[in-house]
Every structure is written in structure tokens, then in C-alpha cells.
Amino acid sequence: QFFDDFEDNQNNWETGQEDNKYWKGSISVRDGAYIWDVKEFYKSDSARSWRDYRNASFITDFDLSVDAKLATPDSQLLCYAVVFRCSPNGISSGTYIFYVRDHQKFAVEYENDLDEDEVLTPWTYSDAIRSGDWNTLAVSARGDHFVLSINNVVVSEFTDDHRGSGYVHLM
């Protein structure tokens, strides 16, 4: 069992200044939140940032929930996500990604190569998503069966056997 209220950084989440090929800004733990403060996106088709806590363990069956919010909800391109059962070789080597956009849309993909995403649930409207507010994303994984919820409303349920275990990240 793991819980973090982000009152401090006791779980050693990665923090500090960012200036990579995708974006420039900073990541911090403050005010009860894990914050990506993006100052500038560099021109690219997509920009991603994902993090885990440094004592992450490989997991199989699990129940996970994360409260997330965009501080700038007016962009239709920005989203947040939960990455689960991620390969130890990284996201492009196999992982499930549960994306949520503030404009009340979500999607689920299995990614095994940067150009070969498999859509498990296409971008779908859900009034369970509260624009401009905190949203609770939840994932329940048992074997090859997955149930995904937003604010206690099941939005996707599927069976898929690409990966039976892996890491969890925030994106």
C-alpha cells in the first residue's frame, strides 16, 4: 500500500528545474500537490513529462487513484495521465496510459513504440470530468482486466494482455 499527501517530499519524487527537448520549467512538491510548472513548450508534435517516486516497485494487480488538476484549464491540448504497468525499459517499450483532458475527454492507449500506439478507448466525452477542478482518476487492474474511473464513475472497462506487471508513473 502506498499513499502520498504531498505535504513534503518524503517519497523522493523527482523535483527541480527542467529544460529538456520537450519543455522548460520546474517540478516541485508544495502546498499538498506535486506540481509541474511549465514555462515554455518547445515545438514538437507532443511534449511529455512523467515521474515516479524513487522507491517505485514493479506491481501486478493493484487499485490506484490520483487527484489531478490543470492550473491552466483553457488549453484543449494539455492533459494529465496515469501510466501503469510500464516496462522497466521505459514508456516506449510497453505501457498503458489513461489520459484526461480538461475539456471533458479521456482516452486509454497501450504504447509499445512511439509511432505504434494501440487505442484501447478512443478520445471520449465524459461529464464525469470536472473542468477546471480536481478530478480523481482511478485504475483497478486484476490480471488482464482493467476498470478505469473518473470521480467514481466507470468510464472504461476492458481486457488486454499486453503487460501483466510494471511500474506506475504520473504524467
N, C-alpha and C. Protein backbone atom coordinates (compact mmCIF):
# COMPACT_ATOMS: atom_id res chain seq x y z
N GLN A 1 0.85 -1.17 0.00
CA GLN A 1 0.00 0.00 0.00
C GLN A 1 0.89 1.23 0.00
N PHE A 2 0.49 2.25 -0.77
CA PHE A 2 1.27 3.47 -0.88
C PHE A 2 0.30 4.65 -0.88
N PHE A 3 0.65 5.70 -0.12
CA PHE A 3 -0.15 6.92 -0.09
C PHE A 3 0.80 8.09 0.06
N ASP A 4 0.52 9.17 -0.66
CA ASP A 4 1.31 10.38 -0.53
C ASP A 4 0.37 11.58 -0.56
N ASP A 5 0.39 12.40 0.49
CA ASP A 5 -0.44 13.60 0.54
C ASP A 5 0.34 14.84 0.07
N PHE A 6 1.59 14.65 -0.31
CA PHE A 6 2.45 15.71 -0.83
C PHE A 6 2.58 16.90 0.11
N GLU A 7 2.52 16.63 1.41
CA GLU A 7 2.81 17.67 2.39
C GLU A 7 4.31 17.93 2.47
N ASP A 8 5.09 16.93 2.06
CA ASP A 8 6.54 17.07 1.95
C ASP A 8 6.97 16.09 0.86
N ASN A 9 8.25 15.93 0.67
CA ASN A 9 8.71 15.03 -0.38
C ASN A 9 9.38 13.80 0.23
N GLN A 10 8.72 13.20 1.22
CA GLN A 10 9.29 12.05 1.90
C GLN A 10 9.46 10.84 0.98
N ASN A 11 8.75 10.79 -0.16
CA ASN A 11 8.88 9.66 -1.08
C ASN A 11 9.84 9.94 -2.23
N ASN A 12 10.57 11.03 -2.12
CA ASN A 12 11.62 11.35 -3.09
C ASN A 12 11.15 11.45 -4.54
N TRP A 13 10.01 12.12 -4.75
CA TRP A 13 9.59 12.38 -6.12
C TRP A 13 10.63 13.27 -6.77
N GLU A 14 10.84 13.09 -8.04
CA GLU A 14 11.83 13.89 -8.76
C GLU A 14 11.36 15.34 -8.83
N THR A 15 12.22 16.26 -8.44
CA THR A 15 11.91 17.69 -8.45
C THR A 15 13.09 18.45 -9.03
N GLY A 16 12.88 19.74 -9.30
CA GLY A 16 13.96 20.58 -9.78
C GLY A 16 13.63 21.25 -11.09
N GLN A 17 14.61 21.90 -11.65
CA GLN A 17 14.46 22.62 -12.91
C GLN A 17 14.43 21.63 -14.08
N GLU A 18 13.62 21.92 -15.09
CA GLU A 18 13.53 21.12 -16.30
C GLU A 18 13.88 21.99 -17.49
N ASP A 19 14.68 21.48 -18.37
CA ASP A 19 14.95 22.12 -19.64
C ASP A 19 15.41 21.00 -20.57
N ASN A 20 14.42 20.27 -21.11
CA ASN A 20 14.71 19.14 -21.97
C ASN A 20 14.20 19.41 -23.37
N LYS A 21 14.16 18.43 -24.22
CA LYS A 21 13.74 18.67 -25.60
C LYS A 21 12.25 18.97 -25.73
N TYR A 22 11.47 18.74 -24.64
CA TYR A 22 10.03 18.97 -24.68
C TYR A 22 9.59 20.28 -24.04
N TRP A 23 10.17 20.59 -22.86
CA TRP A 23 9.66 21.75 -22.15
C TRP A 23 10.68 22.31 -21.16
N LYS A 24 10.38 23.55 -20.72
CA LYS A 24 11.22 24.24 -19.74
C LYS A 24 10.33 24.69 -18.60
N GLY A 25 10.82 24.52 -17.37
CA GLY A 25 10.08 24.93 -16.19
C GLY A 25 10.64 24.26 -14.96
N SER A 26 9.76 23.93 -14.02
CA SER A 26 10.22 23.28 -12.79
C SER A 26 9.18 22.30 -12.28
N ILE A 27 9.65 21.40 -11.44
CA ILE A 27 8.78 20.43 -10.78
C ILE A 27 9.05 20.53 -9.29
N SER A 28 7.97 20.59 -8.49
CA SER A 28 8.15 20.73 -7.05
C SER A 28 7.03 20.02 -6.29
N VAL A 29 7.27 19.81 -5.02
CA VAL A 29 6.25 19.32 -4.10
C VAL A 29 5.98 20.48 -3.16
N ARG A 30 4.76 21.02 -3.21
CA ARG A 30 4.40 22.13 -2.33
C ARG A 30 2.88 22.26 -2.23
N ASP A 31 2.44 22.83 -1.13
CA ASP A 31 1.01 23.10 -0.93
C ASP A 31 0.14 21.86 -1.10
N GLY A 32 0.66 20.70 -0.71
CA GLY A 32 -0.11 19.46 -0.80
C GLY A 32 -0.30 18.95 -2.21
N ALA A 33 0.62 19.29 -3.13
CA ALA A 33 0.50 18.86 -4.52
C ALA A 33 1.87 18.62 -5.13
N TYR A 34 1.89 17.82 -6.17
CA TYR A 34 3.09 17.58 -6.98
C TYR A 34 2.88 18.40 -8.24
N ILE A 35 3.69 19.43 -8.42
CA ILE A 35 3.40 20.48 -9.40
C ILE A 35 4.42 20.51 -10.52
N TRP A 36 3.91 20.45 -11.77
CA TRP A 36 4.72 20.72 -12.96
C TRP A 36 4.39 22.16 -13.35
N ASP A 37 5.37 23.04 -13.25
CA ASP A 37 5.19 24.44 -13.62
C ASP A 37 5.88 24.66 -14.96
N VAL A 38 5.11 24.51 -16.04
CA VAL A 38 5.65 24.58 -17.39
C VAL A 38 5.67 26.04 -17.85
N LYS A 39 6.86 26.54 -18.13
CA LYS A 39 7.01 27.93 -18.58
C LYS A 39 6.99 28.03 -20.10
N GLU A 40 7.50 26.97 -20.77
CA GLU A 40 7.60 27.02 -22.22
C GLU A 40 7.60 25.60 -22.79
N PHE A 41 6.76 25.38 -23.81
CA PHE A 41 6.80 24.14 -24.56
C PHE A 41 7.66 24.38 -25.79
N TYR A 42 8.52 23.43 -26.08
CA TYR A 42 9.30 23.53 -27.30
C TYR A 42 8.51 22.91 -28.43
N LYS A 43 8.70 23.42 -29.62
CA LYS A 43 7.92 22.94 -30.76
C LYS A 43 8.18 21.46 -31.00
N SER A 44 7.11 20.70 -30.93
CA SER A 44 7.17 19.27 -31.24
C SER A 44 5.73 18.78 -31.39
N ASP A 45 5.58 17.57 -31.91
CA ASP A 45 4.23 17.02 -32.05
C ASP A 45 3.58 16.79 -30.71
N SER A 46 4.37 16.38 -29.75
CA SER A 46 3.83 16.20 -28.40
C SER A 46 4.95 16.39 -27.40
N ALA A 47 4.59 16.83 -26.24
CA ALA A 47 5.55 17.01 -25.16
C ALA A 47 5.04 16.19 -23.97
N ARG A 48 5.94 15.43 -23.37
CA ARG A 48 5.54 14.58 -22.26
C ARG A 48 6.50 14.76 -21.10
N SER A 49 5.95 14.55 -19.92
CA SER A 49 6.76 14.52 -18.72
C SER A 49 6.14 13.50 -17.81
N TRP A 50 6.92 12.54 -17.34
CA TRP A 50 6.39 11.55 -16.42
C TRP A 50 7.36 11.37 -15.27
N ARG A 51 6.83 11.01 -14.13
CA ARG A 51 7.63 10.87 -12.93
C ARG A 51 7.09 9.73 -12.08
N ASP A 52 7.98 9.14 -11.32
CA ASP A 52 7.61 8.18 -10.30
C ASP A 52 8.38 8.54 -9.04
N TYR A 53 8.06 7.90 -7.96
CA TYR A 53 8.85 8.13 -6.77
C TYR A 53 10.03 7.16 -6.81
N ARG A 54 11.11 7.52 -6.21
CA ARG A 54 12.37 6.81 -6.42
C ARG A 54 12.39 5.40 -5.84
N ASN A 55 11.45 5.05 -4.99
CA ASN A 55 11.41 3.71 -4.43
C ASN A 55 10.33 2.88 -5.12
N ALA A 56 10.04 3.19 -6.38
CA ALA A 56 8.98 2.51 -7.12
C ALA A 56 9.25 1.01 -7.20
N SER A 57 8.18 0.24 -7.12
CA SER A 57 8.32 -1.20 -7.25
C SER A 57 7.46 -1.71 -8.39
N PHE A 58 7.85 -2.81 -8.95
CA PHE A 58 7.14 -3.49 -10.01
C PHE A 58 5.86 -4.06 -9.42
N ILE A 59 4.69 -3.77 -10.01
CA ILE A 59 3.43 -4.26 -9.45
C ILE A 59 2.64 -5.04 -10.49
N THR A 60 1.75 -5.91 -10.02
CA THR A 60 0.89 -6.68 -10.90
C THR A 60 -0.54 -6.20 -10.72
N ASP A 61 -1.29 -6.82 -9.82
CA ASP A 61 -2.67 -6.39 -9.55
C ASP A 61 -2.65 -5.23 -8.57
N PHE A 62 -3.53 -4.24 -8.81
CA PHE A 62 -3.50 -3.05 -7.96
C PHE A 62 -4.78 -2.26 -8.10
N ASP A 63 -5.01 -1.37 -7.14
CA ASP A 63 -6.02 -0.32 -7.20
C ASP A 63 -5.28 0.98 -6.96
N LEU A 64 -5.49 1.95 -7.82
CA LEU A 64 -4.75 3.20 -7.78
C LEU A 64 -5.73 4.35 -7.95
N SER A 65 -5.50 5.44 -7.23
CA SER A 65 -6.26 6.66 -7.50
C SER A 65 -5.35 7.86 -7.32
N VAL A 66 -5.57 8.85 -8.15
CA VAL A 66 -4.78 10.08 -8.16
C VAL A 66 -5.72 11.25 -8.36
N ASP A 67 -5.57 12.29 -7.55
CA ASP A 67 -6.31 13.52 -7.77
C ASP A 67 -5.43 14.44 -8.62
N ALA A 68 -6.00 14.96 -9.71
CA ALA A 68 -5.22 15.79 -10.63
C ALA A 68 -6.04 16.99 -11.07
N LYS A 69 -5.31 18.07 -11.42
CA LYS A 69 -5.96 19.30 -11.86
C LYS A 69 -5.00 20.08 -12.73
N LEU A 70 -5.52 20.68 -13.80
CA LEU A 70 -4.71 21.60 -14.60
C LEU A 70 -4.90 23.00 -14.03
N ALA A 71 -3.79 23.68 -13.77
CA ALA A 71 -3.88 25.05 -13.25
C ALA A 71 -4.31 26.02 -14.35
N THR A 72 -4.07 25.63 -15.61
CA THR A 72 -4.47 26.44 -16.76
C THR A 72 -5.41 25.60 -17.61
N PRO A 73 -6.68 25.55 -17.25
CA PRO A 73 -7.59 24.62 -17.91
C PRO A 73 -8.08 25.05 -19.29
N ASP A 74 -7.64 26.19 -19.79
CA ASP A 74 -8.19 26.68 -21.05
C ASP A 74 -7.56 26.06 -22.30
N SER A 75 -6.54 25.27 -22.16
CA SER A 75 -5.92 24.65 -23.32
C SER A 75 -6.58 23.32 -23.65
N GLN A 76 -6.95 23.13 -24.92
CA GLN A 76 -7.54 21.86 -25.34
C GLN A 76 -6.47 20.81 -25.60
N LEU A 77 -5.20 21.21 -25.59
CA LEU A 77 -4.12 20.27 -25.87
C LEU A 77 -3.50 19.66 -24.62
N LEU A 78 -3.57 20.36 -23.49
CA LEU A 78 -2.96 19.85 -22.27
C LEU A 78 -3.79 18.73 -21.66
N CYS A 79 -3.11 17.78 -21.06
CA CYS A 79 -3.81 16.72 -20.35
C CYS A 79 -2.92 16.21 -19.22
N TYR A 80 -3.47 15.38 -18.38
CA TYR A 80 -2.70 14.67 -17.37
C TYR A 80 -3.05 13.20 -17.53
N ALA A 81 -2.20 12.35 -16.95
CA ALA A 81 -2.41 10.92 -17.17
C ALA A 81 -1.81 10.10 -16.05
N VAL A 82 -2.30 8.87 -15.96
CA VAL A 82 -1.72 7.84 -15.12
C VAL A 82 -1.14 6.79 -16.06
N VAL A 83 0.12 6.47 -15.84
CA VAL A 83 0.81 5.46 -16.62
C VAL A 83 0.93 4.23 -15.73
N PHE A 84 0.54 3.07 -16.25
CA PHE A 84 0.59 1.88 -15.39
C PHE A 84 1.06 0.66 -16.16
N ARG A 85 1.62 -0.27 -15.39
CA ARG A 85 2.26 -1.48 -15.91
C ARG A 85 3.30 -1.12 -16.97
N CYS A 86 4.07 -0.12 -16.65
CA CYS A 86 5.10 0.38 -17.56
C CYS A 86 6.31 -0.57 -17.54
N SER A 87 6.84 -0.83 -18.72
CA SER A 87 8.02 -1.67 -18.87
C SER A 87 9.20 -1.08 -18.11
N PRO A 88 10.07 -1.91 -17.55
CA PRO A 88 11.28 -1.38 -16.91
C PRO A 88 12.21 -0.69 -17.91
N ASN A 89 11.97 -0.90 -19.20
CA ASN A 89 12.78 -0.26 -20.24
C ASN A 89 12.19 1.07 -20.70
N GLY A 90 11.10 1.52 -20.06
CA GLY A 90 10.53 2.82 -20.38
C GLY A 90 9.19 2.75 -21.09
N ILE A 91 8.56 3.90 -21.20
CA ILE A 91 7.22 4.02 -21.76
C ILE A 91 7.14 3.47 -23.17
N SER A 92 8.11 3.77 -24.01
CA SER A 92 8.04 3.32 -25.41
C SER A 92 8.26 1.82 -25.56
N SER A 93 8.62 1.13 -24.47
CA SER A 93 8.82 -0.32 -24.52
C SER A 93 7.60 -1.09 -24.04
N GLY A 94 6.51 -0.39 -23.73
CA GLY A 94 5.27 -1.03 -23.35
C GLY A 94 4.67 -0.47 -22.08
N THR A 95 3.49 0.14 -22.21
CA THR A 95 2.78 0.69 -21.05
C THR A 95 1.34 1.03 -21.42
N TYR A 96 0.50 1.08 -20.41
CA TYR A 96 -0.86 1.58 -20.55
C TYR A 96 -0.87 3.03 -20.08
N ILE A 97 -1.63 3.89 -20.80
CA ILE A 97 -1.72 5.30 -20.42
C ILE A 97 -3.20 5.72 -20.42
N PHE A 98 -3.65 6.27 -19.29
CA PHE A 98 -5.02 6.76 -19.09
C PHE A 98 -4.95 8.28 -19.07
N TYR A 99 -5.32 8.91 -20.21
CA TYR A 99 -5.24 10.36 -20.39
C TYR A 99 -6.57 11.02 -20.04
N VAL A 100 -6.50 12.23 -19.45
CA VAL A 100 -7.70 13.04 -19.20
C VAL A 100 -7.40 14.48 -19.63
N ARG A 101 -8.32 15.04 -20.41
CA ARG A 101 -8.25 16.45 -20.81
C ARG A 101 -9.31 17.22 -20.06
N ASP A 102 -9.02 18.46 -19.79
CA ASP A 102 -9.94 19.30 -19.03
C ASP A 102 -11.23 19.59 -19.78
N HIS A 103 -11.23 19.40 -21.08
CA HIS A 103 -12.44 19.64 -21.88
C HIS A 103 -13.31 18.40 -21.93
N GLN A 104 -13.34 17.66 -20.81
CA GLN A 104 -14.22 16.53 -20.57
C GLN A 104 -14.03 15.37 -21.56
N LYS A 105 -12.77 15.10 -21.89
CA LYS A 105 -12.47 13.95 -22.73
C LYS A 105 -11.36 13.12 -22.10
N PHE A 106 -11.40 11.82 -22.34
CA PHE A 106 -10.37 10.91 -21.85
C PHE A 106 -10.09 9.88 -22.94
N ALA A 107 -8.96 9.21 -22.80
CA ALA A 107 -8.59 8.13 -23.73
C ALA A 107 -7.69 7.15 -22.99
N VAL A 108 -7.62 5.93 -23.51
CA VAL A 108 -6.73 4.92 -22.97
C VAL A 108 -5.98 4.30 -24.13
N GLU A 109 -4.65 4.22 -23.98
CA GLU A 109 -3.81 3.63 -25.03
C GLU A 109 -2.85 2.63 -24.42
N TYR A 110 -2.44 1.69 -25.25
CA TYR A 110 -1.29 0.86 -24.93
C TYR A 110 -0.20 1.30 -25.89
N GLU A 111 0.92 1.72 -25.34
CA GLU A 111 2.02 2.21 -26.17
C GLU A 111 3.17 1.21 -26.12
N ASN A 112 3.63 0.80 -27.30
CA ASN A 112 4.78 -0.11 -27.34
C ASN A 112 5.89 0.41 -28.24
N ASP A 113 5.64 1.52 -28.88
CA ASP A 113 6.62 2.17 -29.72
C ASP A 113 6.09 3.58 -29.94
N LEU A 114 6.95 4.57 -30.01
CA LEU A 114 6.47 5.96 -30.12
C LEU A 114 5.55 6.18 -31.31
N ASP A 115 5.63 5.34 -32.34
CA ASP A 115 4.77 5.50 -33.51
C ASP A 115 3.71 4.42 -33.63
N GLU A 116 3.59 3.55 -32.64
CA GLU A 116 2.69 2.40 -32.74
C GLU A 116 1.75 2.29 -31.54
N ASP A 117 1.02 3.33 -31.20
CA ASP A 117 0.09 3.28 -30.10
C ASP A 117 -1.14 2.46 -30.48
N GLU A 118 -1.64 1.66 -29.55
CA GLU A 118 -2.87 0.93 -29.76
C GLU A 118 -3.95 1.59 -28.91
N VAL A 119 -4.99 2.08 -29.55
CA VAL A 119 -6.07 2.76 -28.84
C VAL A 119 -6.99 1.71 -28.23
N LEU A 120 -7.09 1.73 -26.92
CA LEU A 120 -7.99 0.82 -26.21
C LEU A 120 -9.35 1.47 -25.96
N THR A 121 -9.34 2.76 -25.69
CA THR A 121 -10.55 3.58 -25.59
C THR A 121 -10.23 4.89 -26.31
N PRO A 122 -10.92 5.20 -27.41
CA PRO A 122 -10.62 6.44 -28.13
C PRO A 122 -11.02 7.65 -27.30
N TRP A 123 -10.56 8.85 -27.72
CA TRP A 123 -10.95 10.07 -27.01
C TRP A 123 -12.47 10.11 -26.93
N THR A 124 -12.98 10.16 -25.70
CA THR A 124 -14.41 10.04 -25.44
C THR A 124 -14.84 11.12 -24.47
N TYR A 125 -15.99 11.72 -24.74
CA TYR A 125 -16.55 12.72 -23.84
C TYR A 125 -17.08 12.05 -22.58
N SER A 126 -16.86 12.69 -21.41
CA SER A 126 -17.46 12.23 -20.16
C SER A 126 -17.79 13.42 -19.29
N ASP A 127 -19.05 13.52 -18.89
CA ASP A 127 -19.43 14.61 -17.98
C ASP A 127 -18.98 14.33 -16.54
N ALA A 128 -18.32 13.20 -16.32
CA ALA A 128 -17.72 12.93 -15.00
C ALA A 128 -16.50 13.82 -14.76
N ILE A 129 -15.90 14.32 -15.84
CA ILE A 129 -14.72 15.18 -15.73
C ILE A 129 -15.17 16.59 -15.37
N ARG A 130 -14.62 17.12 -14.29
CA ARG A 130 -14.96 18.47 -13.84
C ARG A 130 -13.91 19.45 -14.36
N SER A 131 -14.24 20.20 -15.38
CA SER A 131 -13.31 21.16 -15.98
C SER A 131 -12.88 22.19 -14.96
N GLY A 132 -11.57 22.47 -14.92
CA GLY A 132 -11.04 23.49 -14.03
C GLY A 132 -11.01 23.11 -12.57
N ASP A 133 -11.28 21.85 -12.26
CA ASP A 133 -11.35 21.41 -10.86
C ASP A 133 -10.54 20.12 -10.70
N TRP A 134 -10.43 19.67 -9.47
CA TRP A 134 -9.75 18.41 -9.19
C TRP A 134 -10.59 17.26 -9.71
N ASN A 135 -9.92 16.27 -10.29
CA ASN A 135 -10.55 15.05 -10.76
C ASN A 135 -9.79 13.86 -10.20
N THR A 136 -10.52 12.86 -9.75
CA THR A 136 -9.91 11.64 -9.24
C THR A 136 -9.91 10.59 -10.34
N LEU A 137 -8.70 10.21 -10.78
CA LEU A 137 -8.53 9.15 -11.76
C LEU A 137 -8.26 7.87 -10.99
N ALA A 138 -8.96 6.80 -11.32
CA ALA A 138 -8.76 5.53 -10.62
C ALA A 138 -8.59 4.41 -11.64
N VAL A 139 -7.69 3.49 -11.30
CA VAL A 139 -7.44 2.31 -12.13
C VAL A 139 -7.47 1.10 -11.21
N SER A 140 -8.22 0.08 -11.61
CA SER A 140 -8.21 -1.20 -10.93
C SER A 140 -7.74 -2.24 -11.94
N ALA A 141 -6.68 -2.97 -11.62
CA ALA A 141 -6.12 -3.97 -12.52
C ALA A 141 -6.08 -5.32 -11.82
N ARG A 142 -6.70 -6.30 -12.43
CA ARG A 142 -6.68 -7.68 -11.94
C ARG A 142 -6.40 -8.57 -13.14
N GLY A 143 -5.18 -9.10 -13.18
CA GLY A 143 -4.81 -9.92 -14.34
C GLY A 143 -4.89 -9.08 -15.60
N ASP A 144 -5.67 -9.53 -16.57
CA ASP A 144 -5.80 -8.80 -17.83
C ASP A 144 -7.06 -7.94 -17.90
N HIS A 145 -7.74 -7.76 -16.74
CA HIS A 145 -8.98 -6.99 -16.69
C HIS A 145 -8.73 -5.64 -16.01
N PHE A 146 -9.20 -4.57 -16.65
CA PHE A 146 -8.98 -3.21 -16.17
C PHE A 146 -10.30 -2.46 -16.06
N VAL A 147 -10.47 -1.71 -14.97
CA VAL A 147 -11.61 -0.83 -14.79
C VAL A 147 -11.05 0.56 -14.48
N LEU A 148 -11.43 1.56 -15.29
CA LEU A 148 -10.94 2.93 -15.12
C LEU A 148 -12.12 3.85 -14.79
N SER A 149 -11.89 4.72 -13.80
CA SER A 149 -12.95 5.62 -13.34
C SER A 149 -12.43 7.05 -13.26
N ILE A 150 -13.37 7.96 -13.38
CA ILE A 150 -13.10 9.37 -13.13
C ILE A 150 -14.17 9.85 -12.17
N ASN A 151 -13.75 10.36 -11.02
CA ASN A 151 -14.67 10.85 -10.00
C ASN A 151 -15.75 9.81 -9.67
N ASN A 152 -15.31 8.57 -9.46
CA ASN A 152 -16.18 7.45 -9.07
C ASN A 152 -17.17 7.02 -10.13
N VAL A 153 -16.96 7.42 -11.38
CA VAL A 153 -17.80 6.98 -12.49
C VAL A 153 -16.94 6.11 -13.40
N VAL A 154 -17.34 4.87 -13.62
CA VAL A 154 -16.58 3.99 -14.52
C VAL A 154 -16.71 4.54 -15.94
N VAL A 155 -15.57 4.83 -16.55
CA VAL A 155 -15.57 5.39 -17.91
C VAL A 155 -15.01 4.42 -18.95
N SER A 156 -14.29 3.40 -18.49
CA SER A 156 -13.74 2.42 -19.42
C SER A 156 -13.50 1.11 -18.67
N GLU A 157 -13.81 0.02 -19.33
CA GLU A 157 -13.54 -1.31 -18.79
C GLU A 157 -13.14 -2.18 -19.97
N PHE A 158 -12.01 -2.86 -19.84
CA PHE A 158 -11.52 -3.66 -20.96
C PHE A 158 -10.63 -4.80 -20.47
N THR A 159 -10.41 -5.74 -21.36
CA THR A 159 -9.50 -6.85 -21.12
C THR A 159 -8.37 -6.73 -22.13
N ASP A 160 -7.12 -6.83 -21.65
CA ASP A 160 -5.97 -6.72 -22.53
C ASP A 160 -4.79 -7.41 -21.85
N ASP A 161 -4.04 -8.19 -22.61
CA ASP A 161 -2.96 -8.96 -22.01
C ASP A 161 -1.56 -8.56 -22.47
N HIS A 162 -1.39 -7.31 -22.92
CA HIS A 162 -0.06 -6.86 -23.34
C HIS A 162 0.98 -6.96 -22.22
N ARG A 163 0.63 -6.46 -21.03
CA ARG A 163 1.58 -6.45 -19.91
C ARG A 163 0.88 -6.91 -18.64
N GLY A 164 1.51 -7.82 -17.92
CA GLY A 164 0.96 -8.34 -16.67
C GLY A 164 1.47 -7.66 -15.44
N SER A 165 2.52 -6.85 -15.58
CA SER A 165 3.09 -6.13 -14.44
C SER A 165 3.92 -4.98 -14.95
N GLY A 166 4.34 -4.12 -14.04
CA GLY A 166 5.18 -2.99 -14.42
C GLY A 166 5.13 -1.88 -13.38
N TYR A 167 5.68 -0.75 -13.76
CA TYR A 167 5.75 0.42 -12.88
C TYR A 167 4.54 1.33 -13.08
N VAL A 168 4.32 2.22 -12.12
CA VAL A 168 3.28 3.25 -12.21
C VAL A 168 3.98 4.60 -12.23
N HIS A 169 3.50 5.49 -13.09
CA HIS A 169 4.05 6.86 -13.19
C HIS A 169 2.91 7.86 -13.25
N LEU A 170 3.22 9.09 -12.92
CA LEU A 170 2.31 10.22 -13.17
C LEU A 170 2.82 10.93 -14.41
N MET A 171 1.89 11.39 -15.25
CA MET A 171 2.27 12.08 -16.48
C MET A 171 1.46 13.35 -16.61
